[in-house]
C-alpha atoms as a PDB file:
ATOM      1  CA  UNK A   1       0.000   0.000   0.000  1.00  0.00           C
ATOM      2  CA  UNK A   2       1.504   3.383  -0.951  1.00  0.00           C
ATOM      3  CA  UNK A   3       2.256   5.904   1.769  1.00  0.00           C
ATOM      4  CA  UNK A   4       1.729   9.615   1.038  1.00  0.00           C
ATOM      5  CA  UNK A   5       4.339  11.925   2.560  1.00  0.00           C
ATOM      6  CA  UNK A   6       5.323  15.581   2.416  1.00  0.00           C
ATOM      7  CA  UNK A   7       9.019  16.382   2.094  1.00  0.00           C
ATOM      8  CA  UNK A   8      10.766  19.734   2.251  1.00  0.00           C
ATOM      9  CA  UNK A   9      13.128  21.164  -0.347  1.00  0.00           C
ATOM     10  CA  UNK A  10      16.580  19.662   0.231  1.00  0.00           C
ATOM     11  CA  UNK A  11      15.317  16.615   2.117  1.00  0.00           C
ATOM     12  CA  UNK A  12      17.126  13.413   1.153  1.00  0.00           C
ATOM     13  CA  UNK A  13      15.026  10.317   0.480  1.00  0.00           C
ATOM     14  CA  UNK A  14      17.806   7.897  -0.417  1.00  0.00           C
ATOM     15  CA  UNK A  15      21.575   7.617  -0.144  1.00  0.00           C
ATOM     16  CA  UNK A  16      23.982   5.232  -1.883  1.00  0.00           C
ATOM     17  CA  UNK A  17      24.316   1.960  -0.026  1.00  0.00           C
ATOM     18  CA  UNK A  18      20.761   2.022   1.324  1.00  0.00           C
ATOM     19  CA  UNK A  19      18.888  -1.273   1.164  1.00  0.00           C
ATOM     20  CA  UNK A  20      15.175  -1.865   0.573  1.00  0.00           C
ATOM     21  CA  UNK A  21      14.970   1.176  -1.714  1.00  0.00           C
ATOM     22  CA  UNK A  22      11.565   2.534  -2.622  1.00  0.00           C
ATOM     23  CA  UNK A  23       9.727   3.889  -5.636  1.00  0.00           C
ATOM     24  CA  UNK A  24       8.595   7.512  -5.385  1.00  0.00           C
ATOM     25  CA  UNK A  25       5.616   8.834  -7.332  1.00  0.00           C
ATOM     26  CA  UNK A  26       5.609  12.640  -7.413  1.00  0.00           C
ATOM     27  CA  UNK A  27       2.158  14.121  -6.843  1.00  0.00           C
ATOM     28  CA  UNK A  28       3.514  17.667  -6.578  1.00  0.00           C
ATOM     29  CA  UNK A  29       6.985  19.127  -6.421  1.00  0.00           C
ATOM     30  CA  UNK A  30      10.248  18.026  -7.997  1.00  0.00           C
ATOM     31  CA  UNK A  31      12.787  15.297  -7.168  1.00  0.00           C
ATOM     32  CA  UNK A  32      16.213  14.551  -8.578  1.00  0.00           C
ATOM     33  CA  UNK A  33      18.535  11.579  -8.494  1.00  0.00           C
ATOM     34  CA  UNK A  34      22.293  11.955  -8.665  1.00  0.00           C
ATOM     35  CA  UNK A  35      25.656  10.432  -7.901  1.00  0.00           C
ATOM     36  CA  UNK A  36      28.744  12.063  -6.444  1.00  0.00           C
ATOM     37  CA  UNK A  37      32.007  11.149  -8.154  1.00  0.00           C
ATOM     38  CA  UNK A  38      35.420  10.641  -6.533  1.00  0.00           C
ATOM     39  CA  UNK A  39      36.256  14.345  -6.870  1.00  0.00           C
ATOM     40  CA  UNK A  40      33.047  15.327  -5.047  1.00  0.00           C
ATOM     41  CA  UNK A  41      31.189  16.533  -8.143  1.00  0.00           C
ATOM     42  CA  UNK A  42      27.433  15.908  -8.294  1.00  0.00           C
ATOM     43  CA  UNK A  43      26.229  14.271 -11.507  1.00  0.00           C
ATOM     44  CA  UNK A  44      22.476  14.567 -12.029  1.00  0.00           C
ATOM     45  CA  UNK A  45      20.946  11.397 -13.390  1.00  0.00           C
ATOM     46  CA  UNK A  46      17.279  12.359 -13.562  1.00  0.00           C
ATOM     47  CA  UNK A  47      14.632  14.897 -12.600  1.00  0.00           C
ATOM     48  CA  UNK A  48      11.074  13.875 -11.673  1.00  0.00           C
ATOM     49  CA  UNK A  49       8.281  16.485 -11.694  1.00  0.00           C
ATOM     50  CA  UNK A  50       4.580  15.908 -11.049  1.00  0.00           C
ATOM     51  CA  UNK A  51       3.254  12.635 -12.436  1.00  0.00           C
ATOM     52  CA  UNK A  52       6.700  11.052 -12.763  1.00  0.00           C
ATOM     53  CA  UNK A  53       8.240   8.152 -10.888  1.00  0.00           C
ATOM     54  CA  UNK A  54      11.706   8.255  -9.323  1.00  0.00           C
ATOM     55  CA  UNK A  55      13.580   5.127  -8.269  1.00  0.00           C
ATOM     56  CA  UNK A  56      17.056   3.664  -8.242  1.00  0.00           C
ATOM     57  CA  UNK A  57      16.980   0.754 -10.693  1.00  0.00           C
ATOM     58  CA  UNK A  58      18.790  -1.671  -8.405  1.00  0.00           C
ATOM     59  CA  UNK A  59      16.847  -4.673  -7.152  1.00  0.00           C
ATOM     60  CA  UNK A  60      14.993  -4.434  -3.850  1.00  0.00           C
ATOM     61  CA  UNK A  61      17.755  -6.310  -1.988  1.00  0.00           C
ATOM     62  CA  UNK A  62      20.719  -4.554  -3.647  1.00  0.00           C
ATOM     63  CA  UNK A  63      22.413  -1.414  -2.275  1.00  0.00           C
ATOM     64  CA  UNK A  64      21.311   1.869  -3.825  1.00  0.00           C
ATOM     65  CA  UNK A  65      23.655   3.621  -6.224  1.00  0.00           C
ATOM     66  CA  UNK A  66      22.012   7.062  -6.256  1.00  0.00           C
ATOM     67  CA  UNK A  67      21.024   9.877  -3.970  1.00  0.00           C
ATOM     68  CA  UNK A  68      17.410  11.027  -4.294  1.00  0.00           C
ATOM     69  CA  UNK A  69      16.365  14.391  -2.884  1.00  0.00           C
ATOM     70  CA  UNK A  70      13.710  17.091  -3.220  1.00  0.00           C
ATOM     71  CA  UNK A  71      14.424  20.217  -5.278  1.00  0.00           C
ATOM     72  CA  UNK A  72      11.096  21.693  -4.140  1.00  0.00           C
ATOM     73  CA  UNK A  73       8.684  21.006  -1.310  1.00  0.00           C
ATOM     74  CA  UNK A  74       6.956  17.864  -2.583  1.00  0.00           C
ATOM     75  CA  UNK A  75       4.053  15.523  -1.993  1.00  0.00           C
ATOM     76  CA  UNK A  76       4.988  11.983  -2.933  1.00  0.00           C
ATOM     77  CA  UNK A  77       3.656   8.472  -2.753  1.00  0.00           C
ATOM     78  CA  UNK A  78       6.190   5.952  -1.445  1.00  0.00           C
ATOM     79  CA  UNK A  79       5.821   2.440  -2.796  1.00  0.00           C
ATOM     80  CA  UNK A  80       7.721  -0.775  -2.190  1.00  0.00           C
ATOM     81  CA  UNK A  81       9.514  -2.154  -5.222  1.00  0.00           C
ATOM     82  CA  UNK A  82       7.247  -4.727  -6.823  1.00  0.00           C
ATOM     83  CA  UNK A  83       8.468  -6.518  -9.939  1.00  0.00           C
ATOM     84  CA  UNK A  84       5.007  -7.944 -10.636  1.00  0.00           C
ATOM     85  CA  UNK A  85       3.543  -4.421 -10.682  1.00  0.00           C
ATOM     86  CA  UNK A  86       6.338  -3.303 -13.011  1.00  0.00           C
ATOM     87  CA  UNK A  87       5.642  -6.185 -15.402  1.00  0.00           C
ATOM     88  CA  UNK A  88       2.061  -4.936 -15.694  1.00  0.00           C
ATOM     89  CA  UNK A  89       3.368  -1.487 -16.597  1.00  0.00           C
ATOM     90  CA  UNK A  90       5.723  -2.557 -19.394  1.00  0.00           C
ATOM     91  CA  UNK A  91       4.739   0.394 -21.637  1.00  0.00           C
ATOM     92  CA  UNK A  92       5.996   2.921 -19.067  1.00  0.00           C
ATOM     93  CA  UNK A  93       9.185   0.928 -18.524  1.00  0.00           C
ATOM     94  CA  UNK A  94       9.807   0.746 -22.273  1.00  0.00           C
ATOM     95  CA  UNK A  95       9.244   4.514 -22.582  1.00  0.00           C
ATOM     96  CA  UNK A  96      11.733   5.174 -19.784  1.00  0.00           C
ATOM     97  CA  UNK A  97      14.343   2.905 -21.393  1.00  0.00           C
ATOM     98  CA  UNK A  98      13.852   4.679 -24.731  1.00  0.00           C
ATOM     99  CA  UNK A  99      14.349   8.103 -23.123  1.00  0.00           C
ATOM    100  CA  UNK A 100      17.496   6.913 -21.355  1.00  0.00           C
ATOM    101  CA  UNK A 101      18.864   5.474 -24.593  1.00  0.00           C
ATOM    102  CA  UNK A 102      18.171   8.755 -26.397  1.00  0.00           C
ATOM    103  CA  UNK A 103      19.900  10.675 -23.607  1.00  0.00           C
ATOM    104  CA  UNK A 104      23.019   8.513 -23.782  1.00  0.00           C
ATOM    105  CA  UNK A 105      23.204   8.885 -27.551  1.00  0.00           C
ATOM    106  CA  UNK A 106      22.727  12.656 -27.250  1.00  0.00           C
ATOM    107  CA  UNK A 107      25.452  12.912 -24.588  1.00  0.00           C
ATOM    108  CA  UNK A 108      28.020  11.072 -26.700  1.00  0.00           C
ATOM    109  CA  UNK A 109      27.224  12.736 -30.025  1.00  0.00           C
ATOM    110  CA  UNK A 110      26.145  16.338 -29.331  1.00  0.00           C
ATOM    111  CA  UNK A 111      27.917  19.539 -28.380  1.00  0.00           C
ATOM    112  CA  UNK A 112      26.939  21.581 -25.313  1.00  0.00           C
ATOM    113  CA  UNK A 113      24.344  23.803 -26.967  1.00  0.00           C
ATOM    114  CA  UNK A 114      22.734  20.879 -28.799  1.00  0.00           C
ATOM    115  CA  UNK A 115      22.452  19.069 -25.455  1.00  0.00           C
ATOM    116  CA  UNK A 116      20.866  22.138 -23.849  1.00  0.00           C
ATOM    117  CA  UNK A 117      18.454  22.711 -26.748  1.00  0.00           C
ATOM    118  CA  UNK A 118      17.403  19.060 -26.586  1.00  0.00           C
ATOM    119  CA  UNK A 119      16.832  19.285 -22.824  1.00  0.00           C
ATOM    120  CA  UNK A 120      14.707  22.449 -23.127  1.00  0.00           C
ATOM    121  CA  UNK A 121      12.698  20.997 -26.031  1.00  0.00           C
ATOM    122  CA  UNK A 122      12.138  17.695 -24.228  1.00  0.00           C
ATOM    123  CA  UNK A 123      11.538  19.045 -20.715  1.00  0.00           C
ATOM    124  CA  UNK A 124      10.443  22.702 -21.024  1.00  0.00           C
ATOM    125  CA  UNK A 125       8.755  22.812 -17.613  1.00  0.00           C
ATOM    126  CA  UNK A 126      11.720  21.284 -15.815  1.00  0.00           C
ATOM    127  CA  UNK A 127      14.073  23.755 -17.541  1.00  0.00           C
ATOM    128  CA  UNK A 128      12.070  26.620 -15.998  1.00  0.00           C
ATOM    129  CA  UNK A 129      12.229  25.142 -12.471  1.00  0.00           C
ATOM    130  CA  UNK A 130      15.809  23.920 -12.168  1.00  0.00           C
ATOM    131  CA  UNK A 131      18.953  26.063 -11.699  1.00  0.00           C
ATOM    132  CA  UNK A 132      21.343  26.204 -14.654  1.00  0.00           C
ATOM    133  CA  UNK A 133      24.093  24.463 -12.644  1.00  0.00           C
ATOM    134  CA  UNK A 134      21.851  21.384 -12.233  1.00  0.00           C
ATOM    135  CA  UNK A 135      20.910  21.413 -15.915  1.00  0.00           C
ATOM    136  CA  UNK A 136      24.630  21.579 -16.770  1.00  0.00           C
ATOM    137  CA  UNK A 137      25.268  18.620 -14.448  1.00  0.00           C
ATOM    138  CA  UNK A 138      22.467  16.647 -16.138  1.00  0.00           C
ATOM    139  CA  UNK A 139      24.021  17.459 -19.521  1.00  0.00           C
ATOM    140  CA  UNK A 140      27.500  16.383 -18.404  1.00  0.00           C
ATOM    141  CA  UNK A 141      29.056  19.845 -18.795  1.00  0.00           C
ATOM    142  CA  UNK A 142      30.161  22.612 -16.452  1.00  0.00           C
ATOM    143  CA  UNK A 143      27.919  25.617 -15.789  1.00  0.00           C
ATOM    144  CA  UNK A 144      30.608  27.771 -17.408  1.00  0.00           C
ATOM    145  CA  UNK A 145      30.540  25.673 -20.586  1.00  0.00           C
ATOM    146  CA  UNK A 146      26.756  25.955 -20.715  1.00  0.00           C
ATOM    147  CA  UNK A 147      26.879  29.743 -20.256  1.00  0.00           C
ATOM    148  CA  UNK A 148      29.541  30.105 -22.944  1.00  0.00           C
ATOM    149  CA  UNK A 149      27.613  27.925 -25.389  1.00  0.00           C
ATOM    150  CA  UNK A 150      24.412  29.906 -24.811  1.00  0.00           C
ATOM    151  CA  UNK A 151      26.275  33.208 -25.262  1.00  0.00           C
ATOM    152  CA  UNK A 152      27.874  31.949 -28.486  1.00  0.00           C
ATOM    153  CA  UNK A 153      24.456  30.950 -29.816  1.00  0.00           C
ATOM    154  CA  UNK A 154      23.049  34.407 -29.003  1.00  0.00           C
ATOM    155  CA  UNK A 155      25.900  36.061 -30.972  1.00  0.00           C
ATOM    156  CA  UNK A 156      25.040  33.951 -34.027  1.00  0.00           C
ATOM    157  CA  UNK A 157      21.348  34.947 -33.885  1.00  0.00           C
END
């Protein structure tokens, strides 16, 4: 049975190494998942606004790989991982895998401004709600590189 909870901006729902990870359905607000590399840099994996699901893809008995926290005050439903439920929702899983595949291909074949343009076109509402430094992290570039690419594009216009 899902549990509805309210979390404050900045509250952490999951840390790497945690067991018995959960699935979070965002009713309102905004979550993100990320990893921190050996140099201490945060690398955003995913954002989840209203109507989206956020979860670490490890099995229910495996240690988590990602942090999950709230970027805004949020109302979420917390669900146990249930592979039978996921099998019934194969269309959503396939859509998520397709989006992740597209993101990987974009990251390895596009320059900074193409990555940013793709992000804004794909997730216009998220782009309005998330600081540029987190968008840059999601795109695998520095905030400075993103600013320079945007400035260069403006000069060409």
